[in-house]
N, C-alpha and C. Protein backbone atom coordinates (compact mmCIF):
# COMPACT_ATOMS: atom_id res chain seq x y z
N UNK A 1 20.44 12.06 -37.64
CA UNK A 1 20.04 10.78 -36.52
C UNK A 1 18.70 10.33 -36.97
N UNK A 2 18.84 9.20 -37.24
CA UNK A 2 17.91 7.83 -37.99
C UNK A 2 16.68 7.94 -36.50
N UNK A 3 15.66 7.98 -36.60
CA UNK A 3 14.36 7.35 -35.91
C UNK A 3 14.96 6.46 -34.51
N UNK A 4 15.40 5.06 -34.88
CA UNK A 4 15.79 4.15 -34.67
C UNK A 4 16.94 4.47 -33.33
N UNK A 5 18.12 5.27 -34.09
CA UNK A 5 19.11 6.01 -33.09
C UNK A 5 18.43 6.43 -31.86
N UNK A 6 17.96 7.57 -32.66
CA UNK A 6 17.10 8.47 -31.63
C UNK A 6 16.24 8.03 -30.61
N UNK A 7 15.51 6.93 -31.24
CA UNK A 7 14.69 6.65 -29.82
C UNK A 7 15.61 5.45 -29.30
N UNK A 8 16.56 4.77 -29.84
CA UNK A 8 17.08 4.10 -28.49
C UNK A 8 17.99 5.13 -27.76
N UNK A 9 18.39 5.88 -28.14
CA UNK A 9 18.93 6.83 -27.23
C UNK A 9 18.56 7.44 -26.31
N UNK A 10 17.07 7.99 -26.95
CA UNK A 10 15.70 8.21 -25.78
C UNK A 10 15.73 7.56 -24.48
N UNK A 11 15.52 6.08 -25.21
CA UNK A 11 15.28 4.99 -24.18
C UNK A 11 16.45 4.85 -23.37
N UNK A 12 17.71 4.79 -23.74
CA UNK A 12 18.62 5.27 -22.84
C UNK A 12 18.52 5.88 -21.97
N UNK A 13 18.30 7.14 -21.72
CA UNK A 13 18.48 8.25 -20.90
C UNK A 13 17.53 8.05 -20.24
N UNK A 14 16.29 7.73 -20.63
CA UNK A 14 15.36 7.64 -19.73
C UNK A 14 15.05 6.19 -18.19
N UNK A 15 15.80 4.95 -18.94
CA UNK A 15 16.57 4.08 -18.26
C UNK A 15 17.47 4.70 -16.87
N UNK A 16 17.98 5.52 -17.33
CA UNK A 16 19.69 5.82 -17.15
C UNK A 16 18.60 7.12 -15.74
N UNK A 17 17.80 8.04 -16.28
CA UNK A 17 17.38 8.56 -15.18
C UNK A 17 16.43 8.05 -14.40
N UNK A 18 15.77 6.76 -14.50
CA UNK A 18 14.62 6.38 -13.23
C UNK A 18 15.46 5.74 -12.40
N UNK A 19 17.09 5.33 -13.17
CA UNK A 19 17.60 4.30 -11.61
C UNK A 19 18.00 5.84 -11.21
N UNK A 20 18.43 6.63 -11.19
CA UNK A 20 19.23 7.51 -10.44
C UNK A 20 18.21 8.33 -9.62
N UNK A 21 16.62 8.49 -9.95
CA UNK A 21 15.65 9.25 -8.97
C UNK A 21 15.61 7.70 -8.12
N UNK A 22 15.52 6.49 -8.63
CA UNK A 22 15.11 5.23 -7.11
C UNK A 22 16.35 5.20 -6.61
N UNK A 23 17.62 5.71 -6.75
CA UNK A 23 18.44 5.55 -6.14
C UNK A 23 18.87 5.96 -4.97
N UNK A 24 19.54 5.29 -3.66
CA UNK A 24 20.09 6.09 -2.30
C UNK A 24 18.89 7.59 -2.50
N UNK A 25 17.16 6.99 -2.40
CA UNK A 25 16.92 8.30 -1.69
C UNK A 25 15.91 8.07 0.07
N UNK A 26 16.46 9.13 0.86
CA UNK A 26 16.15 8.69 1.96
C UNK A 26 14.11 9.36 2.29
N UNK A 27 13.92 7.66 3.23
CA UNK A 27 12.35 7.50 3.14
C UNK A 27 12.43 7.70 4.94
N UNK A 28 10.80 7.94 5.30
CA UNK A 28 10.99 8.01 6.77
C UNK A 28 10.17 6.55 6.78
N UNK A 29 10.07 5.89 7.98
CA UNK A 29 9.09 4.86 8.36
C UNK A 29 7.50 4.61 7.53
N UNK A 30 7.15 5.31 7.36
CA UNK A 30 5.82 5.78 7.05
C UNK A 30 5.77 5.19 5.45
N UNK A 31 6.65 5.90 4.72
CA UNK A 31 6.63 6.05 3.12
C UNK A 31 6.91 4.40 2.82
N UNK A 32 7.77 3.60 3.71
CA UNK A 32 8.15 2.12 3.75
C UNK A 32 7.09 1.19 2.86
N UNK A 33 6.34 0.53 1.31
CA UNK A 33 5.67 0.03 1.35
C UNK A 33 5.62 -1.17 2.82
N UNK A 34 4.03 -1.38 3.05
CA UNK A 34 3.53 -2.28 4.26
C UNK A 34 4.24 -3.39 4.82
N UNK A 35 4.59 -4.58 3.07
CA UNK A 35 5.29 -5.73 4.20
C UNK A 35 6.86 -5.75 4.22
N UNK A 36 7.37 -4.65 3.65
CA UNK A 36 8.62 -3.85 4.24
C UNK A 36 8.57 -3.32 5.81
N UNK A 37 8.19 -2.57 5.70
CA UNK A 37 7.53 -2.42 7.76
C UNK A 37 7.44 -3.09 8.37
N UNK A 38 6.91 -4.42 8.06
CA UNK A 38 6.13 -5.03 8.89
C UNK A 38 7.92 -6.39 8.85
N UNK A 39 8.68 -6.35 8.19
CA UNK A 39 9.77 -7.05 7.67
C UNK A 39 10.73 -6.46 9.09
N UNK A 40 10.58 -4.77 8.63
CA UNK A 40 11.57 -3.69 10.05
C UNK A 40 11.20 -4.02 11.20
N UNK A 41 10.09 -3.92 11.57
CA UNK A 41 9.40 -3.81 12.99
C UNK A 41 10.20 -5.70 12.99
N UNK A 42 9.67 -6.85 12.92
CA UNK A 42 10.25 -8.25 13.46
C UNK A 42 11.68 -7.89 13.64
N UNK A 43 12.39 -7.40 12.71
CA UNK A 43 13.92 -7.33 12.72
C UNK A 43 14.51 -6.30 13.69
N UNK A 44 13.61 -5.20 14.06
CA UNK A 44 14.39 -3.84 14.39
C UNK A 44 14.38 -4.13 16.20
N UNK A 45 12.92 -5.33 16.44
CA UNK A 45 12.27 -5.20 18.24
C UNK A 45 12.59 -4.06 18.69
N UNK A 46 13.71 -3.83 19.75
CA UNK A 46 13.46 -2.80 20.59
C UNK A 46 14.55 -1.51 20.31
N UNK A 47 15.35 -2.09 18.82
CA UNK A 47 16.12 -1.29 17.94
C UNK A 47 15.41 0.20 18.31
N UNK A 48 16.60 1.41 17.94
CA UNK A 48 16.45 2.78 16.85
C UNK A 48 16.66 2.61 15.79
N UNK A 49 15.73 3.07 14.80
CA UNK A 49 16.18 2.81 13.65
C UNK A 49 16.84 4.46 13.52
N UNK A 50 17.79 4.59 12.80
CA UNK A 50 18.82 5.92 12.65
C UNK A 50 18.39 6.25 11.12
N UNK A 51 18.42 5.68 9.74
CA UNK A 51 18.46 6.03 9.04
C UNK A 51 17.22 4.90 7.86
N UNK A 52 16.86 5.39 6.90
CA UNK A 52 16.10 4.09 6.07
C UNK A 52 16.78 4.92 3.84
N UNK A 53 16.46 4.26 3.69
CA UNK A 53 17.28 4.69 2.35
C UNK A 53 16.21 3.48 1.34
N UNK A 54 16.34 4.13 -0.14
CA UNK A 54 16.06 2.67 -1.16
C UNK A 54 16.87 3.03 -1.73
N UNK A 55 16.67 2.12 -2.41
CA UNK A 55 18.50 2.21 -2.98
C UNK A 55 18.27 0.62 -4.23
N UNK A 56 19.39 1.03 -5.45
CA UNK A 56 19.10 0.14 -6.68
C UNK A 56 20.44 -0.73 -6.30
N UNK A 57 20.25 -2.45 -5.80
CA UNK A 57 20.97 -2.95 -6.57
C UNK A 57 21.09 -4.15 -7.49
N UNK A 58 21.91 -4.24 -8.30
CA UNK A 58 21.82 -4.92 -9.80
C UNK A 58 20.56 -5.03 -10.18
N UNK A 59 19.48 -3.75 -10.40
CA UNK A 59 18.94 -3.20 -11.16
C UNK A 59 17.81 -3.60 -10.46
N UNK A 60 17.65 -4.23 -9.47
CA UNK A 60 16.83 -4.35 -8.20
C UNK A 60 16.29 -4.01 -6.89
N UNK A 61 14.96 -3.25 -6.20
CA UNK A 61 14.68 -2.35 -5.59
C UNK A 61 15.04 -2.84 -3.91
N UNK A 62 15.89 -1.93 -3.28
CA UNK A 62 16.42 -3.00 -2.01
C UNK A 62 15.73 -1.37 -1.39
N UNK A 63 15.22 -2.14 0.36
CA UNK A 63 15.48 -1.02 0.85
C UNK A 63 16.17 -1.34 2.00
N UNK A 64 16.99 -0.29 2.20
CA UNK A 64 17.59 -0.28 3.41
C UNK A 64 17.32 0.49 5.08
N UNK A 65 18.02 -0.20 5.59
CA UNK A 65 17.34 0.22 7.69
C UNK A 65 18.30 0.08 8.60
N UNK A 66 18.87 1.19 8.69
CA UNK A 66 20.21 1.24 9.78
C UNK A 66 19.49 1.55 10.93
N UNK A 67 20.04 0.89 11.83
CA UNK A 67 18.97 0.79 13.10
C UNK A 67 20.69 0.50 14.32
N UNK A 68 20.50 0.76 15.66
CA UNK A 68 20.96 1.04 16.52
C UNK A 68 20.68 -0.54 17.81
N UNK A 69 21.12 -0.92 18.56
CA UNK A 69 20.40 -2.18 19.30
C UNK A 69 21.60 -2.14 20.09
N UNK A 70 21.19 -2.07 21.65
CA UNK A 70 22.42 -2.48 22.74
C UNK A 70 23.70 -1.80 22.50
N UNK A 71 23.87 -0.36 21.79
CA UNK A 71 24.73 0.44 21.49
C UNK A 71 25.40 -0.43 20.16
N UNK A 72 25.01 -1.63 18.99
CA UNK A 72 25.47 -1.84 18.29
C UNK A 72 24.75 -1.34 16.92
N UNK A 73 25.41 -1.30 16.00
CA UNK A 73 24.39 -0.57 14.78
C UNK A 73 24.18 -2.13 13.90
N UNK A 74 23.44 -1.82 13.31
CA UNK A 74 22.88 -3.11 12.13
C UNK A 74 22.47 -2.41 11.16
N UNK A 75 22.48 -3.06 9.86
CA UNK A 75 21.42 -2.53 8.21
C UNK A 75 20.45 -3.66 8.16
N UNK A 76 19.64 -3.76 7.30
CA UNK A 76 18.67 -4.78 7.10
C UNK A 76 18.80 -3.68 5.50
N UNK A 77 19.13 -5.08 4.87
CA UNK A 77 18.42 -5.01 3.44
C UNK A 77 17.22 -5.85 2.91
N UNK A 78 16.31 -5.25 2.69
CA UNK A 78 14.72 -5.64 2.50
C UNK A 78 13.89 -5.79 0.84
N UNK A 79 13.85 -6.67 0.44
CA UNK A 79 13.32 -6.46 -1.18
C UNK A 79 11.88 -5.42 -0.59
N UNK A 80 11.13 -5.17 -1.18
CA UNK A 80 10.25 -5.01 -1.72
C UNK A 80 8.80 -5.86 -1.11
N UNK A 81 8.53 -7.46 -0.92
CA UNK A 81 8.15 -7.80 -0.90
C UNK A 81 8.15 -8.22 0.40
N UNK A 82 9.53 -7.49 1.09
CA UNK A 82 8.88 -8.46 2.85
C UNK A 82 10.05 -8.91 2.92
N UNK A 83 10.95 -9.59 2.11
CA UNK A 83 11.67 -10.82 2.19
C UNK A 83 13.09 -9.72 2.81
N UNK A 84 13.60 -10.62 3.74
CA UNK A 84 15.12 -10.36 4.17
C UNK A 84 15.74 -10.82 3.75
N UNK A 85 16.66 -9.51 3.13
CA UNK A 85 17.91 -10.07 2.09
C UNK A 85 19.09 -10.43 3.31
N UNK A 86 19.32 -9.60 3.77
CA UNK A 86 20.42 -9.60 4.29
C UNK A 86 20.32 -8.61 5.78
N UNK A 87 21.09 -8.84 7.00
CA UNK A 87 20.99 -8.03 7.92
C UNK A 87 22.44 -8.29 8.68
N UNK A 88 23.32 -7.35 8.94
CA UNK A 88 24.37 -6.76 9.18
C UNK A 88 24.89 -6.12 9.98
N UNK A 89 25.99 -6.07 10.78
CA UNK A 89 26.74 -5.16 11.57
C UNK A 89 27.35 -4.43 10.74
N UNK A 90 27.11 -3.11 11.57
CA UNK A 90 27.38 -1.76 10.70
C UNK A 90 28.55 -1.20 10.63
């Protein structure tokens, strides 16, 4: 195996493994980046957060926050900079 082939293989392996590590990781509220926490508080209001995950969507990190408000379950998708990407009933 040439050095170039080996280097390409190792690079692909590292990229693959790093994506695996980042995807579908459960987090606590305190582990969220500050901008994500601020958006979550503004959106959840009096609801109760039931699950928080960090996921990869199309190669980008997204924080998924499931919460219940008035017996209805919702999910927020929030970018690391705090931008609300999506809010929907779950």
